[in-house]
Protein backbone atom coordinates (compact mmCIF):
# COMPACT_ATOMS: atom_id res chain seq x y z
CA MET A 1 175.52 69.02 111.56
CA ASN A 2 173.40 69.94 108.55
CA THR A 3 171.62 73.20 109.24
CA GLN A 4 170.09 73.58 105.79
CA SER A 5 166.31 73.55 105.51
CA PRO A 6 164.82 70.56 103.74
CA PRO A 7 164.03 71.21 100.08
CA ARG A 8 160.55 72.49 99.45
CA THR A 9 158.20 70.45 97.28
CA LYS A 10 158.75 71.34 93.66
CA GLY A 11 156.20 73.79 92.30
CA ARG A 12 155.15 75.05 95.73
CA SER A 13 155.90 78.53 97.09
CA PRO A 14 155.87 79.74 100.70
CA ALA A 15 152.83 81.90 99.94
CA ARG A 16 151.03 78.90 98.44
CA ASP A 17 151.87 76.79 101.48
CA ASP A 18 150.61 79.53 103.81
CA GLU A 19 147.38 79.86 101.84
CA SER A 20 146.82 76.10 101.96
CA ARG A 21 147.47 75.99 105.69
CA ARG A 22 145.17 78.94 106.32
CA GLU A 23 142.37 77.24 104.35
CA GLU A 24 142.89 74.00 106.29
CA ILE A 25 142.69 75.87 109.61
CA LEU A 26 139.52 77.69 108.63
CA ALA A 27 137.79 74.56 107.34
CA THR A 28 138.56 72.64 110.50
CA ALA A 29 137.71 75.58 112.76
CA THR A 30 134.33 75.92 111.05
CA ARG A 31 133.45 72.34 111.97
CA LEU A 32 134.74 72.77 115.50
CA PHE A 33 132.80 76.03 116.14
CA ALA A 34 129.64 74.51 114.67
CA GLU A 35 129.96 71.43 116.93
CA GLN A 36 130.99 73.09 120.20
CA GLY A 37 130.09 76.77 119.92
CA PHE A 38 132.41 79.77 120.04
CA ASN A 39 132.89 79.79 123.80
CA ASP A 40 133.57 76.10 124.22
CA ALA A 41 135.75 75.54 121.15
CA MET A 42 139.33 75.38 122.39
CA THR A 43 142.39 76.29 120.35
CA GLN A 44 144.18 73.22 121.64
CA GLU A 45 141.52 70.93 120.26
CA LEU A 46 141.73 72.68 116.91
CA ALA A 47 145.50 72.20 116.95
CA ASP A 48 145.06 68.53 117.80
CA ARG A 49 142.63 67.99 114.96
CA LEU A 50 145.05 69.65 112.55
CA GLY A 51 148.07 67.87 113.97
CA VAL A 52 149.99 71.09 114.55
CA GLY A 53 151.09 73.19 117.48
CA LYS A 54 148.94 76.10 118.71
CA GLY A 55 151.65 78.46 117.52
CA THR A 56 150.85 77.57 113.92
CA ILE A 57 147.25 78.68 114.44
CA TYR A 58 148.24 81.89 116.23
CA ARG A 59 150.65 82.75 113.42
CA HIS A 60 147.69 82.95 111.04
CA PHE A 61 145.03 84.10 113.52
CA PRO A 62 146.24 85.95 116.63
CA SER A 63 142.93 85.53 118.49
CA LYS A 64 139.93 83.21 118.56
CA ARG A 65 137.73 86.13 117.55
CA GLU A 66 139.82 86.76 114.42
CA LEU A 67 139.73 83.05 113.62
CA PHE A 68 135.96 82.86 113.95
CA LEU A 69 135.28 85.95 111.87
CA ALA A 70 137.68 84.72 109.19
CA ALA A 71 135.80 81.44 109.13
CA ALA A 72 132.49 83.28 108.70
CA ASP A 73 134.01 85.35 105.92
CA ARG A 74 135.19 82.18 104.20
CA VAL A 75 131.62 80.84 104.26
CA MET A 76 130.38 83.85 102.35
CA ARG A 77 133.28 83.77 99.88
CA LEU A 78 132.52 80.15 99.14
CA LEU A 79 128.84 81.00 98.68
CA SER A 80 129.69 83.76 96.23
CA ALA A 81 131.98 81.44 94.27
CA GLU A 82 129.29 78.73 94.07
CA VAL A 83 126.62 81.12 92.86
CA GLU A 84 129.04 82.57 90.27
CA THR A 85 129.85 79.08 89.04
CA ASN A 86 126.15 78.28 88.62
CA ILE A 87 125.31 81.43 86.68
CA ALA A 88 128.50 81.56 84.59
CA GLY A 89 127.78 81.84 80.88
CA VAL A 90 124.05 82.37 81.37
CA GLU A 91 122.89 85.49 79.54
CA ASP A 92 119.17 85.45 80.24
CA GLY A 93 118.38 87.46 83.35
CA ILE A 94 115.48 85.30 84.55
CA GLU A 95 117.52 82.13 84.21
CA ARG A 96 120.41 83.77 86.04
CA LEU A 97 118.08 84.62 88.91
CA ALA A 98 116.61 81.11 88.98
CA ARG A 99 120.03 79.51 89.03
CA GLY A 100 121.27 81.93 91.67
CA VAL A 101 118.39 81.29 94.07
CA THR A 102 118.75 77.51 93.66
CA ALA A 103 122.53 77.63 94.19
CA PHE A 104 122.10 79.70 97.35
CA LEU A 105 119.62 77.30 98.96
CA ALA A 106 121.55 74.20 97.88
CA PHE A 107 124.81 75.58 99.27
CA PHE A 108 123.48 76.00 102.79
CA ALA A 109 121.38 72.81 102.68
CA ARG A 110 124.57 70.82 102.09
CA ARG A 111 126.50 72.58 104.84
CA PRO A 112 124.35 73.27 107.91
CA ASP A 113 127.55 74.03 109.85
CA TYR A 114 127.88 77.17 107.73
CA VAL A 115 124.44 78.32 108.87
CA GLU A 116 125.41 77.62 112.47
CA LEU A 117 128.46 79.86 112.10
CA LEU A 118 126.32 82.77 110.88
CA ILE A 119 123.94 82.30 113.84
CA GLN A 120 126.79 82.21 116.32
CA GLU A 121 128.34 85.38 114.90
CA ARG A 122 125.18 87.32 115.61
CA ALA A 123 124.93 85.83 119.11
CA HIS A 124 128.54 86.42 120.19
CA PHE A 125 129.56 89.57 118.35
CA LYS A 126 126.73 92.02 118.87
CA ASP A 127 129.27 94.82 118.72
CA ARG A 128 129.47 94.24 114.97
CA THR A 129 126.76 96.46 113.53
CA ARG A 130 127.15 94.79 110.13
CA PRO A 131 127.49 91.01 110.37
CA THR A 132 129.56 89.20 107.77
CA TYR A 133 126.50 88.00 105.87
CA ILE A 134 125.18 91.55 105.49
CA GLU A 135 128.56 92.89 104.38
CA HIS A 136 128.79 90.30 101.62
CA ARG A 137 125.13 90.69 100.70
CA GLU A 138 125.71 94.40 100.08
CA VAL A 139 128.53 93.64 97.67
CA ARG A 140 126.69 90.85 95.87
CA GLY A 141 123.50 92.91 95.83
CA ARG A 142 125.04 95.48 93.53
CA LYS A 143 125.31 92.91 90.74
CA TRP A 144 121.74 91.72 91.20
CA ARG A 145 120.41 95.28 91.34
CA GLN A 146 122.18 95.95 88.07
CA LEU A 147 120.53 92.88 86.57
CA TYR A 148 117.10 94.03 87.72
CA ALA A 149 117.75 97.50 86.32
CA GLU A 150 118.66 95.98 82.93
CA MET A 151 115.56 93.78 82.93
CA LYS A 152 113.42 96.76 83.85
CA GLU A 153 114.96 98.81 81.02
CA ALA A 154 114.22 95.96 78.61
CA GLY A 155 110.57 95.87 79.76
CA ARG A 156 110.91 92.36 81.19
CA ILE A 157 109.86 93.27 84.71
CA ARG A 158 107.50 95.84 86.20
CA ASP A 159 108.49 99.40 86.95
CA LEU A 160 109.85 98.65 90.40
CA ASP A 161 112.94 99.93 92.19
CA PRO A 162 115.74 97.38 91.58
CA GLU A 163 116.81 97.77 95.22
CA GLN A 164 113.28 96.89 96.36
CA ILE A 165 113.34 93.72 94.27
CA SER A 166 116.79 92.77 95.46
CA ASP A 167 115.85 93.25 99.12
CA VAL A 168 112.66 91.17 98.84
CA VAL A 169 114.28 88.27 96.99
CA GLY A 170 117.26 88.37 99.33
CA ASN A 171 115.05 88.29 102.40
CA LEU A 172 113.03 85.38 101.00
CA ILE A 173 116.03 83.15 100.42
CA TYR A 174 117.69 84.24 103.66
CA GLY A 175 114.58 83.32 105.62
CA THR A 176 114.21 80.01 103.77
CA MET A 177 117.81 79.13 104.58
CA PHE A 178 117.22 79.62 108.31
CA THR A 179 113.86 77.80 108.26
CA ASN A 180 115.53 74.81 106.60
CA TYR A 181 118.19 74.81 109.29
CA PHE A 182 115.83 74.97 112.28
CA ALA A 183 112.94 72.89 110.99
CA GLY A 184 114.45 70.91 108.15
CA PRO A 185 113.48 71.41 104.51
CA GLY A 186 109.89 70.41 103.91
CA LYS A 187 110.77 69.64 100.30
CA PRO A 188 113.89 69.51 98.12
CA VAL A 189 115.62 72.86 97.71
CA ALA A 190 115.01 72.78 93.95
CA GLU A 191 111.29 72.79 94.66
CA GLN A 192 111.70 75.54 97.26
CA ALA A 193 113.52 77.66 94.70
CA ARG A 194 110.72 77.07 92.18
CA ASP A 195 108.12 78.08 94.75
CA ILE A 196 109.97 81.32 95.54
CA LEU A 197 110.41 82.16 91.88
CA GLU A 198 106.79 81.29 91.08
CA VAL A 199 105.50 83.76 93.66
CA VAL A 200 108.10 86.43 92.81
CA PHE A 201 107.62 86.16 89.05
CA ARG A 202 103.87 85.60 88.90
CA GLY A 203 102.58 86.95 92.19
CA ILE A 204 99.60 85.52 94.03
CA LEU A 205 96.82 87.83 92.83
CA SER A 206 94.46 87.37 89.96
CA ASP A 207 94.35 90.02 87.24
CA ALA A 208 91.26 91.59 88.82
CA GLU A 209 92.83 91.75 92.25
CA ARG A 210 96.08 93.19 90.91
CA ALA A 211 94.08 96.12 89.64
CA ARG A 212 93.04 96.86 93.25
CA LEU A 213 96.52 96.37 94.67
CA ALA A 214 97.52 100.03 94.73
CA ASP A 215 94.41 100.98 96.72
CA VAL A 216 94.99 98.14 99.21
CA VAL A 217 98.63 99.07 99.75
CA ALA A 218 97.65 102.71 100.26
CA MET A 219 95.10 101.64 102.89
CA VAL A 220 97.70 99.66 104.85
CA GLY A 221 100.03 102.64 105.09
CA PRO A 222 103.28 102.79 107.05
CA ALA A 223 103.74 100.72 110.19
CA ALA A 224 103.01 102.54 113.42
């Protein structure tokens, strides 16, 4: 009886095979969670879709919670990679911002199941004080804050706190992503990106009204 293992495909390593299998599990699990929800998605169905035994899934992800959170983390890693691809080689700060905003909105518009995963995480894992999206946003935000600081130093933007700019832009695209998911995009994402950038870059006030802005903001004061 031949007890030797079958030869492995040339050029492949065990680590590469494990990585490929892990990616396949996460991609399929993402679709399953988006379709059925965290509570109703069964490991057996995932195994059936993959054509493997449940043991293969448990070897990579010991619990459904770990599988779900790893799938959410994958979403954000893919987002970061897509944004990086779209801004690669672009030196101008304003163009980098424009490309980044457009890439963000286009990424989620193409994959509504990714948005669903982020929503479910917040609904089912309230014990997590920092959801996956926020964790990744903090990391990515450092690069954008550095960009705003450099543009401020060069006199290309107003004397505003780079963190303030980063938070506002981030909240705008985050909110637009969810609005698109729940209500459907009212226009192509490229136009949405242009609208956001038009308001951020140019503002909505006339020159005369901008001169009064400081007084108006002071009158509003902090929220009660």
